């Protein structure tokens, strides 16, 4: 079973909910998904740690999970994609992982370019639809006919 590392913004409940929905689509298609908000460090492990210790623990855990994954999947929504997820993308791309993205946000970084070319160039495929439910349906259809 191919393992997917799932990256994306985690700053509000709607982002977390969307991540869970997309991860579920991948899981139902037979992929094992590491979703940091769900599968990352447990609160008990970071209790009584300094901010620097917690940051290092998260960095080490997530980097290890990226390196052990077969596939990298990233939510690209936001005025610009999440900066932490972009670092994760760089680690995945440099490690020769197959990278896929999902984007429902119409905001663009530069006029005429929807994504910075140094970000978009890392992806084998980006699923793009302004309607999140339609994007999930497109992802399901793709997965029924293709492997990530």
Foldseek 3Di string as FASTA:
>chain_A
DFEEEEEADDDDPVRVVLSVVLVVLVVVLPYHYDDCVPNNDDPVVCPPHDPVVVVVRRVVRSLVSLLPGQEYEYEQDDLGTDPVVQVSLVSNLVSVHAYEYEYQHQHAPDVPGRYDCVRVVSHPYYQYHVDSVVSSVVVNVCSVPDDD
